[in-house]
Structures are given as C-alpha cells and as structure tokens.
C-alpha cells in the first residue's frame, strides 16, 4: 500500500475513535449523574440553614422534586 492510503486510514481511525470516545463518555456521565445526583436533601438542608432559613420537610421535598423535574426536561 502507498503511504497516502496509510495516512488516510490512520486519520479516519483517529476521528472514529475520538467520536466514539466522546459519545461513550457523555453517556456514562449522564447515567452516573442520574444515579448519583450532585446534591442531596441533607446538603440542601445545610445550605438553607447557612442562609438563615429553617427548612421544613415539605419545602425540601418541593425543591428536590423541582430539581428532578428540571433535569428530566433537559433530556
């Protein structure tokens, strides 16, 4: 084979690997964040207390549900 064909094969393989790696990593991170949300109720409760609010359970559940709803709308 000529050198030009080898260079073309290497470039195509590199581009295909980059594309597959990008989409694979993206899918993995979306699944990871769905299963392990970045903020929990305890963290939200602590944050609200630091801001000087007394969080009730109802308010915490409302905020968590609104966050989950926003995440599901983005997909």
PDB file of N, CA and C in Angstrom:
ATOM      1  N   UNK A   1       0.840  -1.187   0.000  1.00  0.00           N
ATOM      2  CA  UNK A   1       0.000   0.000   0.000  1.00  0.00           C
ATOM      3  C   UNK A   1       0.876   1.238   0.000  1.00  0.00           C
ATOM      4  N   UNK A   2       0.307   2.288  -0.536  1.00  0.00           N
ATOM      5  CA  UNK A   2       1.078   3.525  -0.582  1.00  0.00           C
ATOM      6  C   UNK A   2       0.965   4.279   0.742  1.00  0.00           C
ATOM      7  N   UNK A   3       1.863   5.199   0.918  1.00  0.00           N
ATOM      8  CA  UNK A   3       1.901   5.983   2.156  1.00  0.00           C
ATOM      9  C   UNK A   3       0.640   6.827   2.321  1.00  0.00           C
ATOM     10  N   UNK A   4       0.093   7.340   1.256  1.00  0.00           N
ATOM     11  CA  UNK A   4      -1.117   8.173   1.325  1.00  0.00           C
ATOM     12  C   UNK A   4      -2.307   7.422   1.873  1.00  0.00           C
ATOM     13  N   UNK A   5      -2.443   6.157   1.486  1.00  0.00           N
ATOM     14  CA  UNK A   5      -3.563   5.352   1.981  1.00  0.00           C
ATOM     15  C   UNK A   5      -3.399   5.078   3.475  1.00  0.00           C
ATOM     16  N   UNK A   6      -2.166   4.796   3.921  1.00  0.00           N
ATOM     17  CA  UNK A   6      -1.915   4.563   5.343  1.00  0.00           C
ATOM     18  C   UNK A   6      -2.247   5.800   6.167  1.00  0.00           C
ATOM     19  N   UNK A   7      -1.868   6.952   5.682  1.00  0.00           N
ATOM     20  CA  UNK A   7      -2.167   8.201   6.397  1.00  0.00           C
ATOM     21  C   UNK A   7      -3.672   8.412   6.472  1.00  0.00           C
ATOM     22  N   UNK A   8      -4.373   8.148   5.385  1.00  0.00           N
ATOM     23  CA  UNK A   8      -5.830   8.286   5.362  1.00  0.00           C
ATOM     24  C   UNK A   8      -6.485   7.322   6.355  1.00  0.00           C
ATOM     25  N   UNK A   9      -6.022   6.078   6.395  1.00  0.00           N
ATOM     26  CA  UNK A   9      -6.575   5.088   7.327  1.00  0.00           C
ATOM     27  C   UNK A   9      -6.337   5.518   8.771  1.00  0.00           C
ATOM     28  N   UNK A  10      -5.157   6.022   9.069  1.00  0.00           N
ATOM     29  CA  UNK A  10      -4.845   6.472  10.435  1.00  0.00           C
ATOM     30  C   UNK A  10      -5.732   7.651  10.828  1.00  0.00           C
ATOM     31  N   UNK A  11      -5.918   8.596   9.934  1.00  0.00           N
ATOM     32  CA  UNK A  11      -6.746   9.766  10.236  1.00  0.00           C
ATOM     33  C   UNK A  11      -8.197   9.356  10.454  1.00  0.00           C
ATOM     34  N   UNK A  12      -8.730   8.485   9.606  1.00  0.00           N
ATOM     35  CA  UNK A  12     -10.114   8.023   9.762  1.00  0.00           C
ATOM     36  C   UNK A  12     -10.273   7.263  11.072  1.00  0.00           C
ATOM     37  N   UNK A  13      -9.323   6.393  11.410  1.00  0.00           N
ATOM     38  CA  UNK A  13      -9.396   5.638  12.663  1.00  0.00           C
ATOM     39  C   UNK A  13      -9.318   6.570  13.868  1.00  0.00           C
ATOM     40  N   UNK A  14      -8.478   7.582  13.782  1.00  0.00           N
ATOM     41  CA  UNK A  14      -8.359   8.549  14.876  1.00  0.00           C
ATOM     42  C   UNK A  14      -9.667   9.318  15.067  1.00  0.00           C
ATOM     43  N   UNK A  15     -10.260   9.792  13.999  1.00  0.00           N
ATOM     44  CA  UNK A  15     -11.530  10.520  14.094  1.00  0.00           C
ATOM     45  C   UNK A  15     -12.654   9.633  14.619  1.00  0.00           C
ATOM     46  N   UNK A  16     -12.703   8.390  14.157  1.00  0.00           N
ATOM     47  CA  UNK A  16     -13.733   7.463  14.639  1.00  0.00           C
ATOM     48  C   UNK A  16     -13.539   7.181  16.131  1.00  0.00           C
ATOM     49  N   UNK A  17     -12.306   6.997  16.558  1.00  0.00           N
ATOM     50  CA  UNK A  17     -12.029   6.754  17.972  1.00  0.00           C
ATOM     51  C   UNK A  17     -12.389   7.942  18.845  1.00  0.00           C
ATOM     52  N   UNK A  18     -12.091   9.131  18.372  1.00  0.00           N
ATOM     53  CA  UNK A  18     -12.453  10.332  19.128  1.00  0.00           C
ATOM     54  C   UNK A  18     -13.966  10.469  19.257  1.00  0.00           C
ATOM     55  N   UNK A  19     -14.680  10.245  18.162  1.00  0.00           N
ATOM     56  CA  UNK A  19     -16.138  10.367  18.191  1.00  0.00           C
ATOM     57  C   UNK A  19     -16.748   9.327  19.126  1.00  0.00           C
ATOM     58  N   UNK A  20     -16.321   8.078  19.000  1.00  0.00           N
ATOM     59  CA  UNK A  20     -16.858   7.021  19.872  1.00  0.00           C
ATOM     60  C   UNK A  20     -16.497   7.271  21.336  1.00  0.00           C
ATOM     61  N   UNK A  21     -15.304   7.711  21.598  1.00  0.00           N
ATOM     62  CA  UNK A  21     -14.897   8.013  22.966  1.00  0.00           C
ATOM     63  C   UNK A  21     -15.703   9.152  23.566  1.00  0.00           C
ATOM     64  N   UNK A  22     -15.941  10.189  22.786  1.00  0.00           N
ATOM     65  CA  UNK A  22     -16.712  11.335  23.273  1.00  0.00           C
ATOM     66  C   UNK A  22     -18.132  10.927  23.640  1.00  0.00           C
ATOM     67  N   UNK A  23     -18.813  10.232  22.710  1.00  0.00           N
ATOM     68  CA  UNK A  23     -20.199   9.858  22.974  1.00  0.00           C
ATOM     69  C   UNK A  23     -20.306   8.794  24.063  1.00  0.00           C
ATOM     70  N   UNK A  24     -19.338   7.909  24.152  1.00  0.00           N
ATOM     71  CA  UNK A  24     -19.344   6.928  25.227  1.00  0.00           C
ATOM     72  C   UNK A  24     -19.157   7.577  26.590  1.00  0.00           C
ATOM     73  N   UNK A  25     -18.232   8.507  26.688  1.00  0.00           N
ATOM     74  CA  UNK A  25     -18.004   9.215  27.957  1.00  0.00           C
ATOM     75  C   UNK A  25     -19.210  10.065  28.333  1.00  0.00           C
ATOM     76  N   UNK A  26     -19.832  10.678  27.345  1.00  0.00           N
ATOM     77  CA  UNK A  26     -21.017  11.500  27.613  1.00  0.00           C
ATOM     78  C   UNK A  26     -22.156  10.647  28.165  1.00  0.00           C
ATOM     79  N   UNK A  27     -22.395   9.494  27.538  1.00  0.00           N
ATOM     80  CA  UNK A  27     -23.462   8.600  28.006  1.00  0.00           C
ATOM     81  C   UNK A  27     -23.159   8.104  29.421  1.00  0.00           C
ATOM     82  N   UNK A  28     -21.907   7.767  29.697  1.00  0.00           N
ATOM     83  CA  UNK A  28     -21.518   7.291  31.025  1.00  0.00           C
ATOM     84  C   UNK A  28     -21.754   8.370  32.088  1.00  0.00           C
ATOM     85  N   UNK A  29     -21.368   9.610  31.794  1.00  0.00           N
ATOM     86  CA  UNK A  29     -21.534  10.687  32.770  1.00  0.00           C
ATOM     87  C   UNK A  29     -23.002  11.002  33.003  1.00  0.00           C
ATOM     88  N   UNK A  30     -23.823  10.980  31.956  1.00  0.00           N
ATOM     89  CA  UNK A  30     -25.254  11.224  32.145  1.00  0.00           C
ATOM     90  C   UNK A  30     -25.861  10.158  33.048  1.00  0.00           C
ATOM     91  N   UNK A  31     -25.495   8.908  32.838  1.00  0.00           N
ATOM     92  CA  UNK A  31     -26.006   7.819  33.670  1.00  0.00           C
ATOM     93  C   UNK A  31     -25.517   7.969  35.117  1.00  0.00           C
ATOM     94  N   UNK A  32     -24.255   8.330  35.279  1.00  0.00           N
ATOM     95  CA  UNK A  32     -23.692   8.487  36.617  1.00  0.00           C
ATOM     96  C   UNK A  32     -24.397   9.602  37.387  1.00  0.00           C
ATOM     97  N   UNK A  33     -24.634  10.722  36.732  1.00  0.00           N
ATOM     98  CA  UNK A  33     -25.288  11.849  37.410  1.00  0.00           C
ATOM     99  C   UNK A  33     -26.752  11.532  37.700  1.00  0.00           C
ATOM    100  N   UNK A  34     -27.406  10.778  36.821  1.00  0.00           N
ATOM    101  CA  UNK A  34     -28.782  10.374  37.073  1.00  0.00           C
ATOM    102  C   UNK A  34     -28.856   9.484  38.306  1.00  0.00           C
ATOM    103  N   UNK A  35     -27.915   8.562  38.451  1.00  0.00           N
ATOM    104  CA  UNK A  35     -27.923   7.634  39.585  1.00  0.00           C
ATOM    105  C   UNK A  35     -27.374   8.266  40.862  1.00  0.00           C
ATOM    106  N   UNK A  36     -26.473   9.230  40.749  1.00  0.00           N
ATOM    107  CA  UNK A  36     -25.855   9.888  41.903  1.00  0.00           C
ATOM    108  C   UNK A  36     -26.027  11.396  41.754  1.00  0.00           C
ATOM    109  N   UNK A  37     -27.178  11.926  42.168  1.00  0.00           N
ATOM    110  CA  UNK A  37     -27.398  13.362  41.993  1.00  0.00           C
ATOM    111  C   UNK A  37     -26.329  14.184  42.707  1.00  0.00           C
ATOM    112  N   UNK A  38     -25.987  15.338  42.133  1.00  0.00           N
ATOM    113  CA  UNK A  38     -24.910  16.135  42.697  1.00  0.00           C
ATOM    114  C   UNK A  38     -25.239  16.773  44.046  1.00  0.00           C
ATOM    115  N   UNK A  39     -26.520  16.849  44.422  1.00  0.00           N
ATOM    116  CA  UNK A  39     -26.884  17.454  45.707  1.00  0.00           C
ATOM    117  C   UNK A  39     -27.964  16.595  46.357  1.00  0.00           C
ATOM    118  N   UNK A  40     -27.842  16.370  47.641  1.00  0.00           N
ATOM    119  CA  UNK A  40     -28.809  15.546  48.367  1.00  0.00           C
ATOM    120  C   UNK A  40     -29.662  16.444  49.266  1.00  0.00           C
ATOM    121  N   UNK A  41     -30.659  15.841  49.886  1.00  0.00           N
ATOM    122  CA  UNK A  41     -31.525  16.606  50.785  1.00  0.00           C
ATOM    123  C   UNK A  41     -30.744  17.141  51.984  1.00  0.00           C
ATOM    124  N   UNK A  42     -29.818  16.354  52.489  1.00  0.00           N
ATOM    125  CA  UNK A  42     -29.017  16.811  53.635  1.00  0.00           C
ATOM    126  C   UNK A  42     -28.156  18.019  53.256  1.00  0.00           C
ATOM    127  N   UNK A  43     -27.575  17.967  52.072  1.00  0.00           N
ATOM    128  CA  UNK A  43     -26.760  19.094  51.620  1.00  0.00           C
ATOM    129  C   UNK A  43     -27.631  20.335  51.432  1.00  0.00           C
ATOM    130  N   UNK A  44     -28.833  20.143  50.887  1.00  0.00           N
ATOM    131  CA  UNK A  44     -29.732  21.274  50.680  1.00  0.00           C
ATOM    132  C   UNK A  44     -30.187  21.850  52.026  1.00  0.00           C
ATOM    133  N   UNK A  45     -30.452  20.978  52.983  1.00  0.00           N
ATOM    134  CA  UNK A  45     -30.869  21.427  54.312  1.00  0.00           C
ATOM    135  C   UNK A  45     -29.758  22.265  54.950  1.00  0.00           C
ATOM    136  N   UNK A  46     -28.522  21.799  54.848  1.00  0.00           N
ATOM    137  CA  UNK A  46     -27.379  22.532  55.405  1.00  0.00           C
ATOM    138  C   UNK A  46     -27.220  23.878  54.720  1.00  0.00           C
ATOM    139  N   UNK A  47     -27.373  23.896  53.407  1.00  0.00           N
ATOM    140  CA  UNK A  47     -27.233  25.138  52.654  1.00  0.00           C
ATOM    141  C   UNK A  47     -28.310  26.152  53.059  1.00  0.00           C
ATOM    142  N   UNK A  48     -29.534  25.682  53.230  1.00  0.00           N
ATOM    143  CA  UNK A  48     -30.620  26.586  53.628  1.00  0.00           C
ATOM    144  C   UNK A  48     -30.397  27.113  55.044  1.00  0.00           C
ATOM    145  N   UNK A  49     -29.893  26.268  55.925  1.00  0.00           N
ATOM    146  CA  UNK A  49     -29.627  26.723  57.294  1.00  0.00           C
ATOM    147  C   UNK A  49     -28.519  27.767  57.314  1.00  0.00           C
ATOM    148  N   UNK A  50     -27.524  27.619  56.444  1.00  0.00           N
ATOM    149  CA  UNK A  50     -26.451  28.607  56.372  1.00  0.00           C
ATOM    150  C   UNK A  50     -26.958  29.948  55.841  1.00  0.00           C
ATOM    151  N   UNK A  51     -28.016  29.884  55.021  1.00  0.00           N
ATOM    152  CA  UNK A  51     -28.594  31.128  54.503  1.00  0.00           C
ATOM    153  C   UNK A  51     -29.580  31.743  55.488  1.00  0.00           C
ATOM    154  N   UNK A  52     -29.785  31.109  56.629  1.00  0.00           N
ATOM    155  CA  UNK A  52     -30.646  31.673  57.657  1.00  0.00           C
ATOM    156  C   UNK A  52     -32.093  31.237  57.549  1.00  0.00           C
ATOM    157  N   UNK A  53     -32.389  30.217  56.783  1.00  0.00           N
ATOM    158  CA  UNK A  53     -33.761  29.718  56.654  1.00  0.00           C
ATOM    159  C   UNK A  53     -33.912  28.451  57.476  1.00  0.00           C
ATOM    160  N   UNK A  54     -35.126  28.237  57.973  1.00  0.00           N
ATOM    161  CA  UNK A  54     -35.424  26.977  58.657  1.00  0.00           C
ATOM    162  C   UNK A  54     -36.198  26.106  57.676  1.00  0.00           C
ATOM    163  N   UNK A  55     -35.533  25.132  57.089  1.00  0.00           N
ATOM    164  CA  UNK A  55     -36.194  24.324  56.067  1.00  0.00           C
ATOM    165  C   UNK A  55     -37.163  23.310  56.670  1.00  0.00           C
ATOM    166  N   UNK A  56     -38.367  23.272  56.121  1.00  0.00           N
ATOM    167  CA  UNK A  56     -39.314  22.241  56.525  1.00  0.00           C
ATOM    168  C   UNK A  56     -39.166  21.069  55.553  1.00  0.00           C
ATOM    169  N   UNK A  57     -39.664  19.921  55.967  1.00  0.00           N
ATOM    170  CA  UNK A  57     -39.573  18.735  55.100  1.00  0.00           C
ATOM    171  C   UNK A  57     -40.340  18.964  53.801  1.00  0.00           C
ATOM    172  N   UNK A  58     -41.480  19.636  53.895  1.00  0.00           N
ATOM    173  CA  UNK A  58     -42.291  19.900  52.702  1.00  0.00           C
ATOM    174  C   UNK A  58     -41.508  20.759  51.711  1.00  0.00           C
ATOM    175  N   UNK A  59     -40.854  21.786  52.216  1.00  0.00           N
ATOM    176  CA  UNK A  59     -40.095  22.682  51.339  1.00  0.00           C
ATOM    177  C   UNK A  59     -38.912  21.950  50.702  1.00  0.00           C
ATOM    178  N   UNK A  60     -38.236  21.094  51.476  1.00  0.00           N
ATOM    179  CA  UNK A  60     -37.120  20.320  50.931  1.00  0.00           C
ATOM    180  C   UNK A  60     -37.587  19.390  49.824  1.00  0.00           C
ATOM    181  N   UNK A  61     -38.713  18.702  50.051  1.00  0.00           N
ATOM    182  CA  UNK A  61     -39.230  17.792  49.030  1.00  0.00           C
ATOM    183  C   UNK A  61     -39.645  18.557  47.770  1.00  0.00           C
ATOM    184  N   UNK A  62     -40.233  19.735  47.948  1.00  0.00           N
ATOM    185  CA  UNK A  62     -40.616  20.543  46.793  1.00  0.00           C
ATOM    186  C   UNK A  62     -39.394  20.946  45.982  1.00  0.00           C
ATOM    187  N   UNK A  63     -38.341  21.360  46.663  1.00  0.00           N
ATOM    188  CA  UNK A  63     -37.130  21.778  45.954  1.00  0.00           C
ATOM    189  C   UNK A  63     -36.465  20.595  45.245  1.00  0.00           C
ATOM    190  N   UNK A  64     -36.409  19.439  45.891  1.00  0.00           N
ATOM    191  CA  UNK A  64     -35.815  18.259  45.263  1.00  0.00           C
ATOM    192  C   UNK A  64     -36.631  17.827  44.044  1.00  0.00           C
ATOM    193  N   UNK A  65     -37.958  17.856  44.168  1.00  0.00           N
ATOM    194  CA  UNK A  65     -38.807  17.486  43.034  1.00  0.00           C
ATOM    195  C   UNK A  65     -38.652  18.459  41.883  1.00  0.00           C
ATOM    196  N   UNK A  66     -38.526  19.746  42.184  1.00  0.00           N
ATOM    197  CA  UNK A  66     -38.351  20.724  41.102  1.00  0.00           C
ATOM    198  C   UNK A  66     -37.001  20.532  40.417  1.00  0.00           C
ATOM    199  N   UNK A  67     -35.965  20.171  41.177  1.00  0.00           N
ATOM    200  CA  UNK A  67     -34.660  19.910  40.573  1.00  0.00           C
ATOM    201  C   UNK A  67     -34.714  18.676  39.671  1.00  0.00           C
ATOM    202  N   UNK A  68     -35.384  17.616  40.134  1.00  0.00           N
ATOM    203  CA  UNK A  68     -35.519  16.407  39.324  1.00  0.00           C
ATOM    204  C   UNK A  68     -36.318  16.689  38.059  1.00  0.00           C
ATOM    205  N   UNK A  69     -37.353  17.523  38.183  1.00  0.00           N
ATOM    206  CA  UNK A  69     -38.168  17.867  37.021  1.00  0.00           C
ATOM    207  C   UNK A  69     -37.356  18.656  36.003  1.00  0.00           C
ATOM    208  N   UNK A  70     -36.510  19.593  36.466  1.00  0.00           N
ATOM    209  CA  UNK A  70     -35.682  20.360  35.555  1.00  0.00           C
ATOM    210  C   UNK A  70     -34.684  19.460  34.851  1.00  0.00           C
ATOM    211  N   UNK A  71     -34.130  18.481  35.550  1.00  0.00           N
ATOM    212  CA  UNK A  71     -33.178  17.559  34.921  1.00  0.00           C
ATOM    213  C   UNK A  71     -33.854  16.713  33.859  1.00  0.00           C
ATOM    214  N   UNK A  72     -35.097  16.285  34.128  1.00  0.00           N
ATOM    215  CA  UNK A  72     -35.794  15.439  33.148  1.00  0.00           C
ATOM    216  C   UNK A  72     -36.229  16.258  31.928  1.00  0.00           C
ATOM    217  N   UNK A  73     -36.477  17.559  32.084  1.00  0.00           N
ATOM    218  CA  UNK A  73     -36.856  18.407  30.954  1.00  0.00           C
ATOM    219  C   UNK A  73     -35.684  18.648  30.020  1.00  0.00           C
ATOM    220  N   UNK A  74     -34.468  18.635  30.532  1.00  0.00           N
ATOM    221  CA  UNK A  74     -33.288  18.887  29.709  1.00  0.00           C
ATOM    222  C   UNK A  74     -33.015  17.744  28.751  1.00  0.00           C
ATOM    223  N   UNK A  75     -33.494  16.566  29.048  1.00  0.00           N
ATOM    224  CA  UNK A  75     -33.212  15.410  28.188  1.00  0.00           C
ATOM    225  C   UNK A  75     -34.143  15.350  27.034  1.00  0.00           C
TER     226      UNK A  75
END
